[in-house]
Amino acid sequence: MISGRCAACRYLRRRCPSDCIFAPYFPPNNPQRFASVHRIYGASNVARMLQQLPFYLRAQAADTLYYEAERRIGDPIYGCVGVISRLHEKIYETECELAKARTDIALVNGFAS
């Protein structure tokens, strides 16, 4: 474990046990990471989610919880869904532009023949 308390234990103002579920995923040098996750999910829910996962998936889950919490804080209504919707819109717009460009190329090639 990292020396001192992890960001979660500091935030919760408790001692950090050697087997702290939060320590590997919420280091003391990034307190905002845990603050965001705690604000949206709560410490006990996050601990429960992490404990229910196999060890090799916990880091990815903590990263996902952080990303989702940040998006929810930034956009309380849509959160991650808003980001996904905007990306889908951009993909659709790009596909339309690509189709138009292909049509233009086909027309130019048709006139050149």
PDB file of N, CA and C in Angstrom:
ATOM      1  N   MET A   1       0.836  -1.191   0.000  1.00  0.00           N
ATOM      2  CA  MET A   1       0.000   0.000   0.000  1.00  0.00           C
ATOM      3  C   MET A   1       0.877   1.249   0.000  1.00  0.00           C
ATOM      4  N   ILE A   2       0.342   2.309  -0.554  1.00  0.00           N
ATOM      5  CA  ILE A   2       1.026   3.596  -0.580  1.00  0.00           C
ATOM      6  C   ILE A   2       1.109   4.116   0.852  1.00  0.00           C
ATOM      7  N   SER A   3       2.226   4.751   1.204  1.00  0.00           N
ATOM      8  CA  SER A   3       2.361   5.269   2.565  1.00  0.00           C
ATOM      9  C   SER A   3       1.327   6.348   2.817  1.00  0.00           C
ATOM     10  N   GLY A   4       0.815   6.403   4.015  1.00  0.00           N
ATOM     11  CA  GLY A   4      -0.227   7.367   4.357  1.00  0.00           C
ATOM     12  C   GLY A   4      -1.593   6.848   3.968  1.00  0.00           C
ATOM     13  N   ARG A   5      -2.555   7.708   4.102  1.00  0.00           N
ATOM     14  CA  ARG A   5      -3.931   7.308   3.783  1.00  0.00           C
ATOM     15  C   ARG A   5      -4.233   7.554   2.304  1.00  0.00           C
ATOM     16  N   CYS A   6      -5.074   6.705   1.750  1.00  0.00           N
ATOM     17  CA  CYS A   6      -5.516   6.904   0.365  1.00  0.00           C
ATOM     18  C   CYS A   6      -6.482   8.092   0.332  1.00  0.00           C
ATOM     19  N   ALA A   7      -6.814   8.529  -0.854  1.00  0.00           N
ATOM     20  CA  ALA A   7      -7.708   9.686  -1.001  1.00  0.00           C
ATOM     21  C   ALA A   7      -9.071   9.417  -0.383  1.00  0.00           C
ATOM     22  N   ALA A   8      -9.543   8.182  -0.479  1.00  0.00           N
ATOM     23  CA  ALA A   8     -10.854   7.843   0.075  1.00  0.00           C
ATOM     24  C   ALA A   8     -10.843   7.953   1.596  1.00  0.00           C
ATOM     25  N   CYS A   9      -9.840   7.379   2.216  1.00  0.00           N
ATOM     26  CA  CYS A   9      -9.768   7.421   3.684  1.00  0.00           C
ATOM     27  C   CYS A   9      -9.535   8.847   4.189  1.00  0.00           C
ATOM     28  N   ARG A  10      -8.762   9.616   3.456  1.00  0.00           N
ATOM     29  CA  ARG A  10      -8.595  11.027   3.828  1.00  0.00           C
ATOM     30  C   ARG A  10      -9.921  11.766   3.737  1.00  0.00           C
ATOM     31  N   TYR A  11     -10.633  11.552   2.643  1.00  0.00           N
ATOM     32  CA  TYR A  11     -11.906  12.226   2.425  1.00  0.00           C
ATOM     33  C   TYR A  11     -12.915  11.830   3.510  1.00  0.00           C
ATOM     34  N   LEU A  12     -12.907  10.556   3.858  1.00  0.00           N
ATOM     35  CA  LEU A  12     -13.847  10.048   4.863  1.00  0.00           C
ATOM     36  C   LEU A  12     -13.347  10.250   6.289  1.00  0.00           C
ATOM     37  N   ARG A  13     -12.128  10.785   6.414  1.00  0.00           N
ATOM     38  CA  ARG A  13     -11.505  11.074   7.707  1.00  0.00           C
ATOM     39  C   ARG A  13     -11.452   9.847   8.614  1.00  0.00           C
ATOM     40  N   ARG A  14     -10.858   8.809   8.051  1.00  0.00           N
ATOM     41  CA  ARG A  14     -10.681   7.577   8.813  1.00  0.00           C
ATOM     42  C   ARG A  14      -9.290   7.028   8.550  1.00  0.00           C
ATOM     43  N   ARG A  15      -8.881   6.083   9.369  1.00  0.00           N
ATOM     44  CA  ARG A  15      -7.570   5.489   9.135  1.00  0.00           C
ATOM     45  C   ARG A  15      -7.663   4.579   7.920  1.00  0.00           C
ATOM     46  N   CYS A  16      -6.552   4.368   7.273  1.00  0.00           N
ATOM     47  CA  CYS A  16      -6.509   3.562   6.052  1.00  0.00           C
ATOM     48  C   CYS A  16      -5.906   2.199   6.401  1.00  0.00           C
ATOM     49  N   PRO A  17      -6.719   1.156   6.447  1.00  0.00           N
ATOM     50  CA  PRO A  17      -6.183  -0.157   6.791  1.00  0.00           C
ATOM     51  C   PRO A  17      -5.269  -0.690   5.687  1.00  0.00           C
ATOM     52  N   SER A  18      -4.442  -1.634   6.017  1.00  0.00           N
ATOM     53  CA  SER A  18      -3.499  -2.179   5.034  1.00  0.00           C
ATOM     54  C   SER A  18      -4.215  -2.864   3.876  1.00  0.00           C
ATOM     55  N   ASP A  19      -5.422  -3.346   4.106  1.00  0.00           N
ATOM     56  CA  ASP A  19      -6.185  -4.012   3.046  1.00  0.00           C
ATOM     57  C   ASP A  19      -7.317  -3.127   2.509  1.00  0.00           C
ATOM     58  N   CYS A  20      -7.134  -1.835   2.554  1.00  0.00           N
ATOM     59  CA  CYS A  20      -8.163  -0.880   2.128  1.00  0.00           C
ATOM     60  C   CYS A  20      -8.566  -1.142   0.671  1.00  0.00           C
ATOM     61  N   ILE A  21      -9.850  -1.322   0.452  1.00  0.00           N
ATOM     62  CA  ILE A  21     -10.373  -1.594  -0.889  1.00  0.00           C
ATOM     63  C   ILE A  21     -10.159  -0.402  -1.825  1.00  0.00           C
ATOM     64  N   PHE A  22     -10.098   0.799  -1.270  1.00  0.00           N
ATOM     65  CA  PHE A  22      -9.972   2.006  -2.084  1.00  0.00           C
ATOM     66  C   PHE A  22      -8.531   2.354  -2.466  1.00  0.00           C
ATOM     67  N   ALA A  23      -7.573   1.990  -1.634  1.00  0.00           N
ATOM     68  CA  ALA A  23      -6.187   2.455  -1.784  1.00  0.00           C
ATOM     69  C   ALA A  23      -5.588   2.262  -3.182  1.00  0.00           C
ATOM     70  N   PRO A  24      -5.758   1.103  -3.816  1.00  0.00           N
ATOM     71  CA  PRO A  24      -5.128   0.941  -5.139  1.00  0.00           C
ATOM     72  C   PRO A  24      -5.746   1.824  -6.232  1.00  0.00           C
ATOM     73  N   TYR A  25      -6.975   2.272  -6.032  1.00  0.00           N
ATOM     74  CA  TYR A  25      -7.712   2.955  -7.097  1.00  0.00           C
ATOM     75  C   TYR A  25      -7.922   4.443  -6.843  1.00  0.00           C
ATOM     76  N   PHE A  26      -7.692   4.876  -5.617  1.00  0.00           N
ATOM     77  CA  PHE A  26      -7.865   6.277  -5.250  1.00  0.00           C
ATOM     78  C   PHE A  26      -6.639   6.748  -4.469  1.00  0.00           C
ATOM     79  N   PRO A  27      -5.542   7.006  -5.193  1.00  0.00           N
ATOM     80  CA  PRO A  27      -4.283   7.379  -4.532  1.00  0.00           C
ATOM     81  C   PRO A  27      -4.383   8.756  -3.858  1.00  0.00           C
ATOM     82  N   PRO A  28      -3.539   8.986  -2.858  1.00  0.00           N
ATOM     83  CA  PRO A  28      -3.612  10.246  -2.111  1.00  0.00           C
ATOM     84  C   PRO A  28      -3.277  11.483  -2.945  1.00  0.00           C
ATOM     85  N   ASN A  29      -2.589  11.310  -4.053  1.00  0.00           N
ATOM     86  CA  ASN A  29      -2.222  12.466  -4.875  1.00  0.00           C
ATOM     87  C   ASN A  29      -3.339  12.916  -5.820  1.00  0.00           C
ATOM     88  N   ASN A  30      -4.496  12.254  -5.778  1.00  0.00           N
ATOM     89  CA  ASN A  30      -5.625  12.629  -6.627  1.00  0.00           C
ATOM     90  C   ASN A  30      -6.927  12.585  -5.817  1.00  0.00           C
ATOM     91  N   PRO A  31      -7.093  13.503  -4.873  1.00  0.00           N
ATOM     92  CA  PRO A  31      -8.278  13.459  -4.014  1.00  0.00           C
ATOM     93  C   PRO A  31      -9.586  13.732  -4.753  1.00  0.00           C
ATOM     94  N   GLN A  32      -9.533  14.480  -5.846  1.00  0.00           N
ATOM     95  CA  GLN A  32     -10.766  14.791  -6.592  1.00  0.00           C
ATOM     96  C   GLN A  32     -11.401  13.546  -7.182  1.00  0.00           C
ATOM     97  N   ARG A  33     -10.578  12.575  -7.515  1.00  0.00           N
ATOM     98  CA  ARG A  33     -11.083  11.320  -8.104  1.00  0.00           C
ATOM     99  C   ARG A  33     -12.083  10.654  -7.160  1.00  0.00           C
ATOM    100  N   PHE A  34     -11.711  10.504  -5.908  1.00  0.00           N
ATOM    101  CA  PHE A  34     -12.641   9.880  -4.964  1.00  0.00           C
ATOM    102  C   PHE A  34     -13.799  10.804  -4.624  1.00  0.00           C
ATOM    103  N   ALA A  35     -13.539  12.094  -4.504  1.00  0.00           N
ATOM    104  CA  ALA A  35     -14.609  13.040  -4.162  1.00  0.00           C
ATOM    105  C   ALA A  35     -15.737  12.976  -5.188  1.00  0.00           C
ATOM    106  N   SER A  36     -15.388  12.900  -6.453  1.00  0.00           N
ATOM    107  CA  SER A  36     -16.405  12.812  -7.506  1.00  0.00           C
ATOM    108  C   SER A  36     -17.194  11.512  -7.413  1.00  0.00           C
ATOM    109  N   VAL A  37     -16.482  10.422  -7.257  1.00  0.00           N
ATOM    110  CA  VAL A  37     -17.137   9.112  -7.170  1.00  0.00           C
ATOM    111  C   VAL A  37     -18.029   9.044  -5.934  1.00  0.00           C
ATOM    112  N   HIS A  38     -17.535   9.551  -4.821  1.00  0.00           N
ATOM    113  CA  HIS A  38     -18.312   9.535  -3.580  1.00  0.00           C
ATOM    114  C   HIS A  38     -19.571  10.383  -3.719  1.00  0.00           C
ATOM    115  N   ARG A  39     -19.443  11.520  -4.363  1.00  0.00           N
ATOM    116  CA  ARG A  39     -20.590  12.432  -4.521  1.00  0.00           C
ATOM    117  C   ARG A  39     -21.744  11.770  -5.284  1.00  0.00           C
ATOM    118  N   ILE A  40     -21.417  10.976  -6.278  1.00  0.00           N
ATOM    119  CA  ILE A  40     -22.448  10.354  -7.109  1.00  0.00           C
ATOM    120  C   ILE A  40     -22.901   9.003  -6.546  1.00  0.00           C
ATOM    121  N   TYR A  41     -21.972   8.170  -6.111  1.00  0.00           N
ATOM    122  CA  TYR A  41     -22.306   6.797  -5.733  1.00  0.00           C
ATOM    123  C   TYR A  41     -22.308   6.522  -4.235  1.00  0.00           C
ATOM    124  N   GLY A  42     -21.513   7.260  -3.478  1.00  0.00           N
ATOM    125  CA  GLY A  42     -21.379   6.975  -2.054  1.00  0.00           C
ATOM    126  C   GLY A  42     -20.293   5.947  -1.809  1.00  0.00           C
ATOM    127  N   ALA A  43     -19.585   6.113  -0.725  1.00  0.00           N
ATOM    128  CA  ALA A  43     -18.431   5.257  -0.421  1.00  0.00           C
ATOM    129  C   ALA A  43     -18.827   3.798  -0.231  1.00  0.00           C
ATOM    130  N   SER A  44     -19.892   3.535   0.486  1.00  0.00           N
ATOM    131  CA  SER A  44     -20.263   2.136   0.750  1.00  0.00           C
ATOM    132  C   SER A  44     -20.676   1.421  -0.533  1.00  0.00           C
ATOM    133  N   ASN A  45     -21.360   2.117  -1.425  1.00  0.00           N
ATOM    134  CA  ASN A  45     -21.735   1.491  -2.700  1.00  0.00           C
ATOM    135  C   ASN A  45     -20.512   1.200  -3.561  1.00  0.00           C
ATOM    136  N   VAL A  46     -19.571   2.122  -3.584  1.00  0.00           N
ATOM    137  CA  VAL A  46     -18.350   1.912  -4.369  1.00  0.00           C
ATOM    138  C   VAL A  46     -17.561   0.738  -3.785  1.00  0.00           C
ATOM    139  N   ALA A  47     -17.432   0.698  -2.479  1.00  0.00           N
ATOM    140  CA  ALA A  47     -16.710  -0.414  -1.841  1.00  0.00           C
ATOM    141  C   ALA A  47     -17.381  -1.743  -2.168  1.00  0.00           C
ATOM    142  N   ARG A  48     -18.688  -1.772  -2.097  1.00  0.00           N
ATOM    143  CA  ARG A  48     -19.432  -3.005  -2.388  1.00  0.00           C
ATOM    144  C   ARG A  48     -19.232  -3.427  -3.847  1.00  0.00           C
ATOM    145  N   MET A  49     -19.301  -2.458  -4.763  1.00  0.00           N
ATOM    146  CA  MET A  49     -19.103  -2.791  -6.180  1.00  0.00           C
ATOM    147  C   MET A  49     -17.704  -3.346  -6.423  1.00  0.00           C
ATOM    148  N   LEU A  50     -16.704  -2.700  -5.848  1.00  0.00           N
ATOM    149  CA  LEU A  50     -15.327  -3.157  -6.053  1.00  0.00           C
ATOM    150  C   LEU A  50     -15.106  -4.539  -5.449  1.00  0.00           C
ATOM    151  N   GLN A  51     -15.661  -4.787  -4.270  1.00  0.00           N
ATOM    152  CA  GLN A  51     -15.474  -6.082  -3.614  1.00  0.00           C
ATOM    153  C   GLN A  51     -16.144  -7.218  -4.381  1.00  0.00           C
ATOM    154  N   GLN A  52     -17.218  -6.917  -5.094  1.00  0.00           N
ATOM    155  CA  GLN A  52     -17.932  -7.961  -5.828  1.00  0.00           C
ATOM    156  C   GLN A  52     -17.247  -8.342  -7.142  1.00  0.00           C
ATOM    157  N   LEU A  53     -16.285  -7.528  -7.560  1.00  0.00           N
ATOM    158  CA  LEU A  53     -15.596  -7.795  -8.822  1.00  0.00           C
ATOM    159  C   LEU A  53     -14.323  -8.592  -8.605  1.00  0.00           C
ATOM    160  N   PRO A  54     -13.923  -9.378  -9.606  1.00  0.00           N
ATOM    161  CA  PRO A  54     -12.610 -10.022  -9.521  1.00  0.00           C
ATOM    162  C   PRO A  54     -11.528  -8.941  -9.479  1.00  0.00           C
ATOM    163  N   PHE A  55     -10.427  -9.250  -8.857  1.00  0.00           N
ATOM    164  CA  PHE A  55      -9.356  -8.283  -8.667  1.00  0.00           C
ATOM    165  C   PHE A  55      -8.926  -7.623  -9.970  1.00  0.00           C
ATOM    166  N   TYR A  56      -8.819  -8.417 -11.046  1.00  0.00           N
ATOM    167  CA  TYR A  56      -8.303  -7.888 -12.308  1.00  0.00           C
ATOM    168  C   TYR A  56      -9.257  -6.899 -12.992  1.00  0.00           C
ATOM    169  N   LEU A  57     -10.504  -6.813 -12.568  1.00  0.00           N
ATOM    170  CA  LEU A  57     -11.459  -5.867 -13.161  1.00  0.00           C
ATOM    171  C   LEU A  57     -11.660  -4.595 -12.327  1.00  0.00           C
ATOM    172  N   ARG A  58     -11.125  -4.571 -11.132  1.00  0.00           N
ATOM    173  CA  ARG A  58     -11.393  -3.458 -10.218  1.00  0.00           C
ATOM    174  C   ARG A  58     -10.835  -2.122 -10.695  1.00  0.00           C
ATOM    175  N   ALA A  59      -9.642  -2.110 -11.248  1.00  0.00           N
ATOM    176  CA  ALA A  59      -9.055  -0.845 -11.712  1.00  0.00           C
ATOM    177  C   ALA A  59      -9.896  -0.254 -12.833  1.00  0.00           C
ATOM    178  N   GLN A  60     -10.330  -1.092 -13.753  1.00  0.00           N
ATOM    179  CA  GLN A  60     -11.165  -0.626 -14.854  1.00  0.00           C
ATOM    180  C   GLN A  60     -12.509  -0.127 -14.322  1.00  0.00           C
ATOM    181  N   ALA A  61     -13.067  -0.821 -13.341  1.00  0.00           N
ATOM    182  CA  ALA A  61     -14.331  -0.387 -12.749  1.00  0.00           C
ATOM    183  C   ALA A  61     -14.172   0.960 -12.051  1.00  0.00           C
ATOM    184  N   ALA A  62     -13.080   1.144 -11.318  1.00  0.00           N
ATOM    185  CA  ALA A  62     -12.845   2.423 -10.638  1.00  0.00           C
ATOM    186  C   ALA A  62     -12.684   3.548 -11.658  1.00  0.00           C
ATOM    187  N   ASP A  63     -11.980   3.283 -12.760  1.00  0.00           N
ATOM    188  CA  ASP A  63     -11.846   4.290 -13.817  1.00  0.00           C
ATOM    189  C   ASP A  63     -13.205   4.629 -14.422  1.00  0.00           C
ATOM    190  N   THR A  64     -14.018   3.619 -14.644  1.00  0.00           N
ATOM    191  CA  THR A  64     -15.346   3.823 -15.223  1.00  0.00           C
ATOM    192  C   THR A  64     -16.246   4.605 -14.273  1.00  0.00           C
ATOM    193  N   LEU A  65     -16.210   4.257 -13.001  1.00  0.00           N
ATOM    194  CA  LEU A  65     -17.012   4.986 -12.012  1.00  0.00           C
ATOM    195  C   LEU A  65     -16.599   6.454 -11.971  1.00  0.00           C
ATOM    196  N   TYR A  66     -15.309   6.696 -12.029  1.00  0.00           N
ATOM    197  CA  TYR A  66     -14.824   8.077 -12.016  1.00  0.00           C
ATOM    198  C   TYR A  66     -15.295   8.829 -13.254  1.00  0.00           C
ATOM    199  N   TYR A  67     -15.140   8.208 -14.421  1.00  0.00           N
ATOM    200  CA  TYR A  67     -15.556   8.868 -15.660  1.00  0.00           C
ATOM    201  C   TYR A  67     -17.058   9.164 -15.625  1.00  0.00           C
ATOM    202  N   GLU A  68     -17.845   8.184 -15.239  1.00  0.00           N
ATOM    203  CA  GLU A  68     -19.295   8.380 -15.185  1.00  0.00           C
ATOM    204  C   GLU A  68     -19.675   9.441 -14.154  1.00  0.00           C
ATOM    205  N   ALA A  69     -19.005   9.455 -13.025  1.00  0.00           N
ATOM    206  CA  ALA A  69     -19.292  10.466 -11.994  1.00  0.00           C
ATOM    207  C   ALA A  69     -18.963  11.861 -12.517  1.00  0.00           C
ATOM    208  N   GLU A  70     -17.817  12.008 -13.169  1.00  0.00           N
ATOM    209  CA  GLU A  70     -17.446  13.313 -13.732  1.00  0.00           C
ATOM    210  C   GLU A  70     -18.456  13.780 -14.773  1.00  0.00           C
ATOM    211  N   ARG A  71     -18.905  12.872 -15.614  1.00  0.00           N
ATOM    212  CA  ARG A  71     -19.895  13.239 -16.632  1.00  0.00           C
ATOM    213  C   ARG A  71     -21.230  13.615 -15.984  1.00  0.00           C
ATOM    214  N   ARG A  72     -21.612  12.896 -14.944  1.00  0.00           N
ATOM    215  CA  ARG A  72     -22.881  13.182 -14.252  1.00  0.00           C
ATOM    216  C   ARG A  72     -22.805  14.518 -13.525  1.00  0.00           C
ATOM    217  N   ILE A  73     -21.667  14.831 -12.964  1.00  0.00           N
ATOM    218  CA  ILE A  73     -21.495  16.129 -12.296  1.00  0.00           C
ATOM    219  C   ILE A  73     -21.540  17.250 -13.337  1.00  0.00           C
ATOM    220  N   GLY A  74     -20.903  17.034 -14.471  1.00  0.00           N
ATOM    221  CA  GLY A  74     -20.883  18.045 -15.533  1.00  0.00           C
ATOM    222  C   GLY A  74     -22.226  18.214 -16.223  1.00  0.00           C
ATOM    223  N   ASP A  75     -22.994  17.138 -16.334  1.00  0.00           N
ATOM    224  CA  ASP A  75     -24.303  17.170 -16.990  1.00  0.00           C
ATOM    225  C   ASP A  75     -25.248  16.287 -16.181  1.00  0.00           C
ATOM    226  N   PRO A  76     -25.889  16.874 -15.154  1.00  0.00           N
ATOM    227  CA  PRO A  76     -26.726  16.074 -14.249  1.00  0.00           C
ATOM    228  C   PRO A  76     -27.909  15.380 -14.922  1.00  0.00           C
ATOM    229  N   ILE A  77     -28.358  15.879 -16.052  1.00  0.00           N
ATOM    230  CA  ILE A  77     -29.505  15.276 -16.716  1.00  0.00           C
ATOM    231  C   ILE A  77     -29.101  14.062 -17.540  1.00  0.00           C
ATOM    232  N   TYR A  78     -28.126  14.237 -18.423  1.00  0.00           N
ATOM    233  CA  TYR A  78     -27.779  13.168 -19.361  1.00  0.00           C
ATOM    234  C   TYR A  78     -26.520  12.391 -19.006  1.00  0.00           C
ATOM    235  N   GLY A  79     -25.582  12.992 -18.316  1.00  0.00           N
ATOM    236  CA  GLY A  79     -24.353  12.296 -17.947  1.00  0.00           C
ATOM    237  C   GLY A  79     -23.642  11.702 -19.149  1.00  0.00           C
ATOM    238  N   CYS A  80     -23.260  10.434 -19.059  1.00  0.00           N
ATOM    239  CA  CYS A  80     -22.547   9.746 -20.142  1.00  0.00           C
ATOM    240  C   CYS A  80     -23.411   9.603 -21.385  1.00  0.00           C
ATOM    241  N   VAL A  81     -24.708   9.472 -21.201  1.00  0.00           N
ATOM    242  CA  VAL A  81     -25.600   9.311 -22.345  1.00  0.00           C
ATOM    243  C   VAL A  81     -25.523  10.536 -23.254  1.00  0.00           C
ATOM    244  N   GLY A  82     -25.373  11.717 -22.672  1.00  0.00           N
ATOM    245  CA  GLY A  82     -25.222  12.921 -23.472  1.00  0.00           C
ATOM    246  C   GLY A  82     -23.976  12.879 -24.329  1.00  0.00           C
ATOM    247  N   VAL A  83     -22.888  12.412 -23.759  1.00  0.00           N
ATOM    248  CA  VAL A  83     -21.631  12.287 -24.514  1.00  0.00           C
ATOM    249  C   VAL A  83     -21.806  11.282 -25.640  1.00  0.00           C
ATOM    250  N   ILE A  84     -22.406  10.152 -25.348  1.00  0.00           N
ATOM    251  CA  ILE A  84     -22.616   9.109 -26.358  1.00  0.00           C
ATOM    252  C   ILE A  84     -23.518   9.627 -27.473  1.00  0.00           C
ATOM    253  N   SER A  85     -24.578  10.343 -27.120  1.00  0.00           N
ATOM    254  CA  SER A  85     -25.490  10.898 -28.135  1.00  0.00           C
ATOM    255  C   SER A  85     -24.771  11.881 -29.045  1.00  0.00           C
ATOM    256  N   ARG A  86     -23.954  12.756 -28.455  1.00  0.00           N
ATOM    257  CA  ARG A  86     -23.207  13.712 -29.278  1.00  0.00           C
ATOM    258  C   ARG A  86     -22.239  12.991 -30.217  1.00  0.00           C
ATOM    259  N   LEU A  87     -21.605  11.936 -29.729  1.00  0.00           N
ATOM    260  CA  LEU A  87     -20.691  11.175 -30.584  1.00  0.00           C
ATOM    261  C   LEU A  87     -21.445  10.481 -31.715  1.00  0.00           C
ATOM    262  N   HIS A  88     -22.623   9.948 -31.417  1.00  0.00           N
ATOM    263  CA  HIS A  88     -23.433   9.327 -32.470  1.00  0.00           C
ATOM    264  C   HIS A  88     -23.832  10.354 -33.527  1.00  0.00           C
ATOM    265  N   GLU A  89     -24.184  11.560 -33.096  1.00  0.00           N
ATOM    266  CA  GLU A  89     -24.524  12.627 -34.035  1.00  0.00           C
ATOM    267  C   GLU A  89     -23.334  12.960 -34.930  1.00  0.00           C
ATOM    268  N   LYS A  90     -22.142  13.051 -34.335  1.00  0.00           N
ATOM    269  CA  LYS A  90     -20.947  13.355 -35.130  1.00  0.00           C
ATOM    270  C   LYS A  90     -20.652  12.242 -36.131  1.00  0.00           C
ATOM    271  N   ILE A  91     -20.827  10.997 -35.711  1.00  0.00           N
ATOM    272  CA  ILE A  91     -20.605   9.869 -36.628  1.00  0.00           C
ATOM    273  C   ILE A  91     -21.585   9.951 -37.792  1.00  0.00           C
ATOM    274  N   TYR A  92     -22.856  10.227 -37.495  1.00  0.00           N
ATOM    275  CA  TYR A  92     -23.868  10.342 -38.544  1.00  0.00           C
ATOM    276  C   TYR A  92     -23.517  11.469 -39.515  1.00  0.00           C
ATOM    277  N   GLU A  93     -23.142  12.626 -38.978  1.00  0.00           N
ATOM    278  CA  GLU A  93     -22.767  13.759 -39.829  1.00  0.00           C
ATOM    279  C   GLU A  93     -21.569  13.411 -40.713  1.00  0.00           C
ATOM    280  N   THR A  94     -20.582  12.737 -40.139  1.00  0.00           N
ATOM    281  CA  THR A  94     -19.389  12.356 -40.894  1.00  0.00           C
ATOM    282  C   THR A  94     -19.734  11.338 -41.975  1.00  0.00           C
ATOM    283  N   GLU A  95     -20.622  10.386 -41.648  1.00  0.00           N
ATOM    284  CA  GLU A  95     -21.043   9.407 -42.653  1.00  0.00           C
ATOM    285  C   GLU A  95     -21.774  10.094 -43.803  1.00  0.00           C
ATOM    286  N   CYS A  96     -22.593  11.104 -43.492  1.00  0.00           N
ATOM    287  CA  CYS A  96     -23.290  11.863 -44.541  1.00  0.00           C
ATOM    288  C   CYS A  96     -22.295  12.614 -45.419  1.00  0.00           C
ATOM    289  N   GLU A  97     -21.303  13.247 -44.805  1.00  0.00           N
ATOM    290  CA  GLU A  97     -20.271  13.955 -45.564  1.00  0.00           C
ATOM    291  C   GLU A  97     -19.490  12.993 -46.451  1.00  0.00           C
ATOM    292  N   LEU A  98     -19.194  11.814 -45.912  1.00  0.00           N
ATOM    293  CA  LEU A  98     -18.463  10.809 -46.687  1.00  0.00           C
ATOM    294  C   LEU A  98     -19.294  10.340 -47.880  1.00  0.00           C
ATOM    295  N   ALA A  99     -20.578  10.096 -47.661  1.00  0.00           N
ATOM    296  CA  ALA A  99     -21.447   9.664 -48.758  1.00  0.00           C
ATOM    297  C   ALA A  99     -21.514  10.748 -49.841  1.00  0.00           C
ATOM    298  N   LYS A 100     -21.608  12.005 -49.421  1.00  0.00           N
ATOM    299  CA  LYS A 100     -21.653  13.108 -50.385  1.00  0.00           C
ATOM    300  C   LYS A 100     -20.338  13.178 -51.161  1.00  0.00           C
ATOM    301  N   ALA A 101     -19.223  13.036 -50.468  1.00  0.00           N
ATOM    302  CA  ALA A 101     -17.914  13.076 -51.137  1.00  0.00           C
ATOM    303  C   ALA A 101     -17.786  11.924 -52.132  1.00  0.00           C
ATOM    304  N   ARG A 102     -18.273  10.748 -51.764  1.00  0.00           N
ATOM    305  CA  ARG A 102     -18.211   9.596 -52.681  1.00  0.00           C
ATOM    306  C   ARG A 102     -19.086   9.837 -53.914  1.00  0.00           C
ATOM    307  N   THR A 103     -20.233  10.453 -53.686  1.00  0.00           N
ATOM    308  CA  THR A 103     -21.109  10.784 -54.813  1.00  0.00           C
ATOM    309  C   THR A 103     -20.434  11.782 -55.730  1.00  0.00           C
ATOM    310  N   ASP A 104     -19.823  12.821 -55.155  1.00  0.00           N
ATOM    311  CA  ASP A 104     -19.110  13.818 -55.955  1.00  0.00           C
ATOM    312  C   ASP A 104     -17.978  13.180 -56.750  1.00  0.00           C
ATOM    313  N   ILE A 105     -17.247  12.280 -56.137  1.00  0.00           N
ATOM    314  CA  ILE A 105     -16.139  11.583 -56.817  1.00  0.00           C
ATOM    315  C   ILE A 105     -16.685  10.733 -57.960  1.00  0.00           C
ATOM    316  N   ALA A 106     -17.803  10.039 -57.702  1.00  0.00           N
ATOM    317  CA  ALA A 106     -18.394   9.208 -58.745  1.00  0.00           C
ATOM    318  C   ALA A 106     -18.865  10.074 -59.916  1.00  0.00           C
ATOM    319  N   LEU A 107     -19.429  11.243 -59.626  1.00  0.00           N
ATOM    320  CA  LEU A 107     -19.871  12.143 -60.702  1.00  0.00           C
ATOM    321  C   LEU A 107     -18.675  12.646 -61.502  1.00  0.00           C
ATOM    322  N   VAL A 108     -17.622  13.038 -60.839  1.00  0.00           N
ATOM    323  CA  VAL A 108     -16.420  13.518 -61.526  1.00  0.00           C
ATOM    324  C   VAL A 108     -15.817  12.399 -62.367  1.00  0.00           C
ATOM    325  N   ASN A 109     -15.753  11.186 -61.825  1.00  0.00           N
ATOM    326  CA  ASN A 109     -15.213  10.052 -62.582  1.00  0.00           C
ATOM    327  C   ASN A 109     -16.115   9.702 -63.764  1.00  0.00           C
ATOM    328  N   GLY A 110     -17.445   9.905 -63.608  1.00  0.00           N
ATOM    329  CA  GLY A 110     -18.394   9.632 -64.688  1.00  0.00           C
ATOM    330  C   GLY A 110     -18.218  10.606 -65.828  1.00  0.00           C
ATOM    331  N   PHE A 111     -17.941  11.875 -65.515  1.00  0.00           N
ATOM    332  CA  PHE A 111     -17.727  12.875 -66.557  1.00  0.00           C
ATOM    333  C   PHE A 111     -16.375  12.674 -67.239  1.00  0.00           C
ATOM    334  N   ALA A 112     -15.426  12.142 -66.492  1.00  0.00           N
ATOM    335  CA  ALA A 112     -14.085  11.957 -67.058  1.00  0.00           C
ATOM    336  C   ALA A 112     -14.052  10.792 -68.029  1.00  0.00           C
ATOM    337  N   SER A 113     -14.988   9.876 -67.944  1.00  0.00           N
ATOM    338  CA  SER A 113     -14.971   8.693 -68.819  1.00  0.00           C
ATOM    339  C   SER A 113     -15.392   8.990 -70.217  1.00  0.00           C
TER     340      SER A 113
END
